[in-house]
Every structure is written in structure tokens, then in C-alpha cells.
Protein backbone atom coordinates (compact mmCIF):
# COMPACT_ATOMS: atom_id res chain seq x y z
CA UNK A 1 33.72 16.89 16.94
CA UNK A 2 33.74 19.43 19.23
CA UNK A 3 31.93 19.26 22.28
CA UNK A 4 28.51 21.17 22.69
CA UNK A 5 27.99 23.94 25.27
CA UNK A 6 24.72 21.66 26.44
CA UNK A 7 23.23 18.29 25.43
CA UNK A 8 19.56 16.96 25.64
CA UNK A 9 18.50 13.53 25.55
CA UNK A 10 14.61 12.98 24.64
CA UNK A 11 12.31 9.95 23.88
CA UNK A 12 9.00 10.36 22.79
CA UNK A 13 7.17 12.88 21.15
CA UNK A 14 5.09 14.11 23.95
CA UNK A 15 4.00 13.35 27.60
CA UNK A 16 1.21 11.20 26.14
CA UNK A 17 3.68 8.79 25.36
CA UNK A 18 5.60 6.15 27.44
CA UNK A 19 8.74 5.62 25.30
CA UNK A 20 11.85 4.28 27.02
CA UNK A 21 15.86 4.67 25.14
CA UNK A 22 16.34 1.25 23.70
CA UNK A 23 19.13 -0.64 25.89
CA UNK A 24 22.18 -0.15 23.49
CA UNK A 25 21.77 3.86 23.21
CA UNK A 26 20.75 4.02 27.24
CA UNK A 27 23.88 2.25 28.28
CA UNK A 28 25.91 5.18 26.17
CA UNK A 29 24.15 7.92 28.34
CA UNK A 30 24.25 6.64 31.61
CA UNK A 31 22.96 8.79 34.27
CA UNK A 32 21.11 11.05 31.28
CA UNK A 33 17.25 11.19 32.39
CA UNK A 34 15.75 12.23 28.84
CA UNK A 35 12.72 14.54 28.43
CA UNK A 36 10.01 14.41 25.75
CA UNK A 37 11.27 15.78 22.42
CA UNK A 38 8.26 18.21 22.25
CA UNK A 39 9.46 19.62 25.76
CA UNK A 40 13.19 19.36 24.21
CA UNK A 41 12.03 22.07 21.78
CA UNK A 42 10.42 24.40 23.86
CA UNK A 43 12.99 24.79 26.15
CA UNK A 44 16.01 25.35 23.28
CA UNK A 45 16.30 29.36 22.86
CA UNK A 46 14.11 31.63 20.77
CA UNK A 47 15.06 34.72 18.57
CA UNK A 48 13.14 37.72 18.14
CA UNK A 49 13.48 41.05 16.03
CA UNK A 50 14.44 44.45 18.02
CA UNK A 51 15.54 47.87 16.23
CA UNK A 52 18.57 48.42 15.91
CA UNK A 53 20.44 51.95 16.26
CA UNK A 54 23.78 53.31 15.65
CA UNK A 55 25.68 56.44 17.60
CA UNK A 56 26.33 59.50 15.50
CA UNK A 57 29.87 60.26 15.78
CA UNK A 58 29.30 63.81 15.83
CA UNK A 59 26.45 64.46 17.99
CA UNK A 60 26.84 61.07 20.23
CA UNK A 61 22.67 60.41 19.31
CA UNK A 62 21.58 57.33 18.81
CA UNK A 63 19.45 56.94 15.31
CA UNK A 64 17.54 54.07 14.62
CA UNK A 65 17.79 52.26 11.06
CA UNK A 66 15.13 50.29 9.54
CA UNK A 67 17.66 48.49 7.51
CA UNK A 68 18.87 46.15 9.85
CA UNK A 69 17.37 44.16 13.01
CA UNK A 70 18.65 42.75 15.84
CA UNK A 71 17.84 39.28 16.87
CA UNK A 72 17.70 38.69 20.47
CA UNK A 73 16.77 35.64 23.24
CA UNK A 74 13.67 36.97 24.59
CA UNK A 75 14.28 35.74 28.08
CA UNK A 76 17.68 36.69 28.30
CA UNK A 77 16.65 40.34 27.15
CA UNK A 78 14.19 40.09 29.98
CA UNK A 79 16.78 38.90 32.79
CA UNK A 80 19.19 41.54 31.12
CA UNK A 81 16.67 44.31 32.05
CA UNK A 82 15.55 43.49 35.29
CA UNK A 83 19.26 42.09 36.75
CA UNK A 84 21.02 44.83 35.00
CA UNK A 85 23.42 42.34 34.03
CA UNK A 86 22.91 38.80 32.48
CA UNK A 87 25.35 35.63 32.23
CA UNK A 88 24.55 35.25 28.74
CA UNK A 89 24.45 37.94 25.90
CA UNK A 90 20.99 38.10 24.53
CA UNK A 91 22.28 39.16 21.23
CA UNK A 92 22.35 36.17 18.75
CA UNK A 93 22.78 38.52 15.11
CA UNK A 94 22.43 41.44 13.39
CA UNK A 95 21.10 40.71 9.83
CA UNK A 96 19.43 42.83 7.24
CA UNK A 97 15.85 43.13 6.88
CA UNK A 98 15.40 40.53 4.18
CA UNK A 99 15.86 37.78 6.90
CA UNK A 100 13.20 35.49 8.09
CA UNK A 101 13.44 34.27 12.15
CA UNK A 102 12.40 30.87 12.26
CA UNK A 103 12.36 29.36 15.51
CA UNK A 104 12.40 25.87 16.78
CA UNK A 105 8.70 25.48 16.96
CA UNK A 106 7.58 26.76 13.66
CA UNK A 107 10.04 23.68 12.22
CA UNK A 108 9.50 20.92 14.68
CA UNK A 109 5.93 21.33 15.66
CA UNK A 110 4.64 20.03 12.33
CA UNK A 111 7.17 17.21 12.72
CA UNK A 112 5.13 16.63 15.92
CA UNK A 113 1.97 16.54 14.00
CA UNK A 114 3.57 13.99 11.83
CA UNK A 115 5.02 12.00 14.17
CA UNK A 116 1.77 11.19 15.95
CA UNK A 117 -0.09 10.14 12.40
CA UNK A 118 2.67 8.24 10.53
CA UNK A 119 3.77 4.46 11.88
CA UNK A 120 6.26 1.80 11.93
CA UNK A 121 4.88 -1.75 12.54
CA UNK A 122 1.36 -0.43 13.70
CA UNK A 123 3.06 1.84 16.64
CA UNK A 124 3.16 5.89 15.47
CA UNK A 125 6.93 6.98 15.08
CA UNK A 126 6.10 9.31 18.05
CA UNK A 127 5.62 6.24 20.58
CA UNK A 128 9.16 4.65 19.02
CA UNK A 129 11.39 8.28 18.61
CA UNK A 130 14.57 9.02 20.58
CA UNK A 131 17.48 11.11 20.19
CA UNK A 132 19.86 13.85 21.20
CA UNK A 133 20.08 17.83 21.02
CA UNK A 134 23.03 19.63 20.84
CA UNK A 135 23.56 23.36 21.35
CA UNK A 136 26.36 25.69 20.52
CA UNK A 137 27.17 29.41 20.30
CA UNK A 138 24.59 30.51 23.64
CA UNK A 139 22.18 28.17 21.82
CA UNK A 140 22.12 30.16 18.50
CA UNK A 141 23.09 26.80 16.63
CA UNK A 142 21.29 23.54 17.63
CA UNK A 143 22.32 20.18 15.84
CA UNK A 144 19.78 16.87 16.49
CA UNK A 145 19.89 13.40 16.21
CA UNK A 146 16.37 11.75 15.73
CA UNK A 147 15.71 7.99 15.43
CA UNK A 148 13.23 5.52 15.29
CA UNK A 149 13.11 2.19 17.13
CA UNK A 150 12.37 -0.18 14.87
CA UNK A 151 13.42 1.37 11.87
CA UNK A 152 16.61 -0.44 11.49
CA UNK A 153 19.02 -3.01 9.75
CA UNK A 154 20.15 -5.68 11.26
CA UNK A 155 23.59 -7.33 10.27
CA UNK A 156 24.36 -11.48 11.27
CA UNK A 157 26.51 -11.70 14.06
CA UNK A 158 25.25 -8.46 15.71
CA UNK A 159 23.04 -8.04 18.70
CA UNK A 160 22.54 -4.22 18.19
CA UNK A 161 21.15 -2.83 15.18
CA UNK A 162 21.85 0.35 13.13
CA UNK A 163 18.60 2.43 13.50
CA UNK A 164 17.41 5.00 10.93
CA UNK A 165 16.30 8.49 11.45
CA UNK A 166 17.48 12.04 10.76
CA UNK A 167 19.82 14.45 11.50
CA UNK A 168 18.46 18.17 11.89
CA UNK A 169 19.43 21.77 12.99
CA UNK A 170 19.28 25.55 12.52
CA UNK A 171 21.07 28.42 13.56
CA UNK A 172 20.34 32.28 13.58
CA UNK A 173 23.41 33.47 12.03
CA UNK A 174 22.27 33.48 8.58
CA UNK A 175 24.04 30.31 7.72
CA UNK A 176 21.15 28.05 7.27
CA UNK A 177 17.49 28.48 8.91
CA UNK A 178 17.12 24.88 8.75
CA UNK A 179 18.46 21.50 7.61
CA UNK A 180 17.78 17.90 7.56
CA UNK A 181 19.02 14.45 6.02
CA UNK A 182 18.55 10.77 6.46
CA UNK A 183 20.92 9.27 9.40
CA UNK A 184 21.72 6.00 11.33
CA UNK A 185 23.78 4.96 14.06
CA UNK A 186 25.31 1.94 14.38
CA UNK A 187 24.44 0.62 18.14
CA UNK A 188 27.26 -1.98 17.64
CA UNK A 189 30.01 0.63 17.71
CA UNK A 190 28.53 4.06 18.05
CA UNK A 191 29.27 4.90 14.84
CA UNK A 192 27.03 8.03 12.91
CA UNK A 193 26.27 7.46 9.45
CA UNK A 194 25.16 11.19 8.05
CA UNK A 195 24.28 12.07 4.62
CA UNK A 196 22.34 9.07 3.69
CA UNK A 197 19.69 11.56 1.57
CA UNK A 198 20.31 14.40 0.09
CA UNK A 199 20.73 17.15 2.64
CA UNK A 200 17.31 19.55 2.35
CA UNK A 201 18.05 23.38 3.28
CA UNK A 202 15.86 26.00 3.55
CA UNK A 203 17.54 29.59 3.94
CA UNK A 204 16.58 32.41 5.95
CA UNK A 205 15.12 34.22 3.32
CA UNK A 206 11.82 34.41 1.74
CA UNK A 207 8.65 32.02 1.90
CA UNK A 208 9.41 29.17 4.29
CA UNK A 209 6.92 26.82 2.77
CA UNK A 210 5.14 24.18 4.51
CA UNK A 211 7.21 22.23 7.16
CA UNK A 212 4.45 19.66 7.39
CA UNK A 213 4.68 18.13 4.23
CA UNK A 214 8.62 18.75 3.96
CA UNK A 215 8.79 16.54 7.06
CA UNK A 216 6.33 13.95 5.62
CA UNK A 217 8.46 13.84 2.36
CA UNK A 218 11.97 13.21 4.44
CA UNK A 219 10.53 10.39 6.53
CA UNK A 220 9.50 8.47 3.19
CA UNK A 221 13.01 8.83 2.08
CA UNK A 222 14.36 7.55 5.28
CA UNK A 223 12.05 4.59 5.27
CA UNK A 224 13.53 3.82 1.44
CA UNK A 225 16.89 3.71 2.42
CA UNK A 226 16.38 1.84 5.12
CA UNK A 227 14.83 -0.75 3.01
CA UNK A 228 18.11 -0.86 1.00
CA UNK A 229 20.62 -0.11 2.99
CA UNK A 230 21.22 -4.02 4.25
CA UNK A 231 21.72 -4.89 0.38
CA UNK A 232 23.90 -2.14 0.32
CA UNK A 233 25.98 -3.19 3.40
CA UNK A 234 26.11 -6.92 2.09
CA UNK A 235 26.97 -6.37 -1.65
CA UNK A 236 30.42 -4.09 0.19
CA UNK A 237 31.14 -6.90 2.17
CA UNK A 238 31.88 -8.90 -0.60
CA UNK A 239 33.94 -6.08 -2.45
CA UNK A 240 37.48 -6.49 -0.69
CA UNK A 241 40.61 -4.66 -1.68
CA UNK A 242 44.14 -6.75 -1.24
CA UNK A 243 46.18 -4.25 0.12
CA UNK A 244 49.23 -6.73 -0.47
CA UNK A 245 48.46 -6.15 -4.04
CA UNK A 246 48.53 -2.34 -3.97
CA UNK A 247 51.27 0.27 -3.64
CA UNK A 248 49.69 2.02 -0.71
CA UNK A 249 48.61 1.32 2.84
CA UNK A 250 45.42 1.17 4.71
CA UNK A 251 46.38 4.80 6.04
CA UNK A 252 47.65 5.78 2.52
CA UNK A 253 43.80 4.73 1.14
CA UNK A 254 42.24 7.18 3.65
CA UNK A 255 44.80 9.90 3.07
CA UNK A 256 44.19 9.30 -0.57
CA UNK A 257 40.60 10.09 0.10
CA UNK A 258 41.46 13.59 1.51
CA UNK A 259 41.23 12.80 4.99
CA UNK A 260 43.78 14.73 7.73
CA UNK A 261 46.62 12.22 8.92
CA UNK A 262 44.94 12.15 12.21
CA UNK A 263 41.94 10.83 10.88
CA UNK A 264 43.54 8.66 8.15
CA UNK A 265 45.22 6.65 11.06
CA UNK A 266 42.24 6.28 13.16
CA UNK A 267 40.40 4.77 10.61
CA UNK A 268 42.71 2.19 8.93
CA UNK A 269 43.64 1.41 12.97
CA UNK A 270 39.85 0.46 13.37
CA UNK A 271 39.51 -1.00 9.83
CA UNK A 272 42.48 -3.21 10.54
CA UNK A 273 40.95 -4.27 13.79
CA UNK A 274 37.62 -5.23 12.29
CA UNK A 275 38.97 -7.35 9.32
CA UNK A 276 39.77 -10.91 9.39
CA UNK A 277 42.99 -9.97 7.43
CA UNK A 278 44.70 -6.61 7.92
CA UNK A 279 45.65 -6.73 4.13
CA UNK A 280 42.04 -7.87 2.44
CA UNK A 281 39.55 -5.46 3.76
CA UNK A 282 36.11 -5.34 2.41
CA UNK A 283 34.52 -1.87 1.43
CA UNK A 284 31.69 -1.86 4.39
CA UNK A 285 34.86 -2.13 6.65
CA UNK A 286 36.63 0.50 5.01
CA UNK A 287 33.46 2.93 5.43
CA UNK A 288 33.20 1.86 9.09
CA UNK A 289 36.27 2.58 9.84
CA UNK A 290 36.04 6.06 8.29
CA UNK A 291 32.79 6.92 10.12
CA UNK A 292 34.57 5.68 13.21
CA UNK A 293 37.21 7.88 12.71
CA UNK A 294 34.54 11.17 12.15
CA UNK A 295 32.61 10.14 14.91
CA UNK A 296 34.68 9.80 17.66
CA UNK A 297 38.17 11.90 16.67
CA UNK A 298 37.07 14.69 14.25
CA UNK A 299 38.26 17.94 15.50
CA UNK A 300 36.41 19.89 13.34
CA UNK A 301 32.62 21.54 14.11
CA UNK A 302 29.09 20.03 12.90
CA UNK A 303 28.22 21.45 9.61
CA UNK A 304 30.00 22.15 6.41
CA UNK A 305 33.61 21.35 8.00
CA UNK A 306 31.91 17.89 8.57
CA UNK A 307 30.19 17.11 5.17
CA UNK A 308 32.70 16.75 2.71
CA UNK A 309 34.59 14.02 4.66
CA UNK A 310 31.22 12.52 5.51
CA UNK A 311 30.38 12.41 1.74
CA UNK A 312 33.52 10.71 1.01
CA UNK A 313 32.93 7.97 3.63
CA UNK A 314 29.64 7.23 2.23
CA UNK A 315 31.17 6.90 -1.38
CA UNK A 316 32.93 3.91 0.20
CA UNK A 317 30.16 2.40 0.80
CA UNK A 318 27.42 3.42 -1.85
CA UNK A 319 29.78 4.34 -4.68
CA UNK A 320 32.87 2.15 -4.72
CA UNK A 321 34.23 2.34 -8.03
CA UNK A 322 34.01 6.09 -7.98
CA UNK A 323 36.04 5.81 -4.52
CA UNK A 324 38.88 3.44 -6.59
CA UNK A 325 38.77 6.05 -8.99
CA UNK A 326 39.36 8.78 -6.88
CA UNK A 327 42.44 7.17 -5.03
CA UNK A 328 43.89 6.14 -8.58
CA UNK A 329 43.56 9.63 -9.47
CA UNK A 330 45.04 10.76 -6.61
CA UNK A 331 47.77 8.49 -6.12
CA UNK A 332 48.94 9.72 -10.19
CA UNK A 333 49.18 13.05 -9.16
CA UNK A 334 51.37 12.26 -6.32
CA UNK A 335 53.46 10.43 -8.68
CA UNK A 336 53.71 13.19 -10.96
CA UNK A 337 54.53 15.27 -7.93
CA UNK A 338 57.43 13.19 -7.24
CA UNK A 339 58.74 13.51 -10.72
CA UNK A 340 58.62 17.18 -10.42
CA UNK A 341 61.02 16.75 -7.82
CA UNK A 342 63.61 14.92 -10.23
CA UNK A 343 63.10 11.38 -8.96
CA UNK A 344 63.74 8.60 -11.09
CA UNK A 345 60.23 6.45 -10.48
CA UNK A 346 58.49 6.37 -13.76
CA UNK A 347 58.75 2.38 -14.36
CA UNK A 348 57.70 1.64 -10.53
CA UNK A 349 54.85 4.44 -11.09
CA UNK A 350 53.18 2.51 -14.10
CA UNK A 351 53.49 -0.64 -12.36
CA UNK A 352 51.65 1.03 -9.19
CA UNK A 353 49.07 2.28 -11.52
CA UNK A 354 48.58 -1.15 -13.14
CA UNK A 355 47.77 -2.97 -10.19
CA UNK A 356 44.92 -0.61 -8.79
CA UNK A 357 43.60 -0.54 -12.48
CA UNK A 358 43.90 -4.36 -11.92
CA UNK A 359 42.04 -3.98 -8.93
CA UNK A 360 39.42 -1.87 -10.69
CA UNK A 361 38.81 -4.20 -13.26
CA UNK A 362 38.20 -7.35 -11.04
CA UNK A 363 35.48 -5.57 -9.19
CA UNK A 364 33.54 -3.87 -12.23
CA UNK A 365 31.03 -6.93 -12.03
CA UNK A 366 30.32 -6.32 -8.43
CA UNK A 367 30.09 -2.34 -8.62
CA UNK A 368 27.85 -2.59 -11.64
CA UNK A 369 25.18 -4.13 -8.62
CA UNK A 370 25.46 -0.79 -6.68
CA UNK A 371 24.76 1.11 -9.84
CA UNK A 372 21.43 -0.56 -10.79
CA UNK A 373 20.55 0.05 -6.73
CA UNK A 374 21.03 3.22 -6.56
CA UNK A 375 19.49 4.21 -10.06
CA UNK A 376 16.46 2.34 -8.51
CA UNK A 377 16.74 4.33 -4.97
CA UNK A 378 16.66 7.54 -6.35
CA UNK A 379 13.81 6.34 -8.86
CA UNK A 380 11.69 5.35 -5.49
CA UNK A 381 12.79 8.81 -4.04
CA UNK A 382 11.33 10.87 -6.87
CA UNK A 383 8.27 8.79 -6.64
CA UNK A 384 7.86 9.44 -2.92
CA UNK A 385 8.37 13.01 -3.66
CA UNK A 386 5.65 13.34 -6.61
């Protein structure tokens, strides 16, 4: 992903906690001194409304309009007024008057209250929380990873856990006021697993609702995912694709799923390196290859440009049957496109599709386990929200 303009590491909800970063996380961020979450939130830029005017081209007079209000960062506006010239422009955005300003304390202040009260293994979540905040576009766009030490999945043979949490963010530019979704980071390889729950989004228009209740429901969902994630991974490790029997390579597998070439190559390289055989690779390892490529080599920005690839990567783990069907459709479309060019390969194409179909049929019994587990997880989501 594109490097943020600034990055802040935090540990503990406020100054009353004595939280240290987990060793696996600290090793990857050596030399960065963490602050508390409350301090980090209050250091984020804010936005206030101010009047907008337009210049009449015939009189050169400035005329105020009530149809729009400018969003400015108040501290930067004061600096500009005092010094006459500020390094950073205080203006974020000029929306219509239907725009609702939501500042970071509005969203994350209620989260602080929930974290002080909710517990894991007897300890308040605020005592075990840690993560980072990333700022873009002059601080008008912020993304953060919030994790909880101890809310985790441990895989056999690995010393570092997969730690659960949420990724959240907001912007002042009219796209989304705030979003949040389930998230995890694999301490073994620093891969990030996003969209582990449905993304919840609040727009800049209308009533923003009760953020405290919002956070309580979201954290309940994350705990449910943590309970099931190990089982999903274990089942995915039992589903292997034998690429010696398939008409495409590992790199082509990712390309058929829609990954651009540079990501497909990185994903395939990681999957092959972490599999006992470069030809027989299980779905968990294929998923891990995709998240490796997206975490460390994605060249776009956080947000919508990343979300589609994340959903595709998650399907490898949570929806293996859908993944294989998608690959099959893409391969069939590729064969049809080649046929339109006048090539003579219909028989070879039929054999190739038949080999994919055999793989899909062989996996059907194991795939049924996923559908049952996913249905049960959805039911528990609904129960947690009711």
C-alpha cells in the first residue's frame, strides 16, 4: 500500500493502563515509542464548519452562500491567521449543507468507554489493546488497526499468534464518515487478514446514531470470528489443489481470480515457498499467499481499491467451492476468447475443464463443512445483534 504521511503506534486505551506491545509486534516496529489510544485519537486532525463565499465576477465582491460550508482544521486555521502562511492548508473539503461532520473523538471516544468495561480472560480490553493509525491527505483520511493481545488463534508449529481486532477509519471528503470491519494480523509473517466481518459504514449524511452500541455489537462479532477462525483454517489445510492435474500454474490460479500480474506472481511465490510441494498446495496456504501479496506489495491505496482483492483472498479460505467455480468460469472465458482468435484447441479445452470439474467434485464433501460452519457463524452474528 502507499506509505502514509504519518504513522502512530499505540498501546493501552489511556494513561491508566500499563500496556506493552506484544514482542512479535514490537520487533517489526523497533524504535517507535507507542502512545496511548486516547492520546493518539486526540492528536488526530479535526474538522469544523466555516462559511463559504463566492466572488461575483462583475463586481469583484465576495458573496456568502448558505448552500455550502467549508471544512477546515481549526489548529491549522489559527496558525495561518497568526503567521500569514501555514505549511499545511487548513481546508479539507467544501460539501453541501446536508453534510454531517463526524470528528474522531465522536467515533472513538465511545469505543474507549466500551474497552474499559469489556473483558477478555478477566482483563479489560483497554489493557490489552494495541495497533497503529495511518494518516493520508493532510490528516483528512485516517485508517487504523486495533488489536487485542490474547484474542487470538494459535496454529500448531508456530510461536507467534494470529491476533484478532478491527480495522477502522474515516475521512472528511464525503466518501465515508467512518467504517469498521473485523481484522487479524498473522504474527508469523505480518500478513493482515481484512474483512473478517461485514464492513459497517456510516455516511456523512443524517443521524450518526449511538456509537457505543455500534462498537459493542462489532466487538461481539469479532469474538465470534475468533472462536471459529481456527476451525476454518484447519479445514482449509485439508483441501489441497494438485496443480500437476490442473491446466494452469499457481500464478495463473491467482490471475484467473482477478489479481494483477504483479500480485499474482508474489502470491504464487509465497504459496509455493510455504508448501511442502510446489504442486500440491492447500487452500490455507493459497489464502496466505494472497494476503502476503496484498499486505506487502499492493500498490494502490487503502479503501475501495483494496477491498475487492481482499474479498477474493478471503473466499479462498472461507468459500473454497466458490473460488474454484470462479477459476473455472474465468478459464472457460479465456478458452472462448482464444477460440474467437481462430485457434484450434476445443478438445484440449474440454479436457482442461474436465480436470477442473474433477477437482471440484473431489472436494465437495470437505467444502460442505465450510458451508455448514459459515451458516452457523451467520446465525450467531444475528443472535449477537438481536
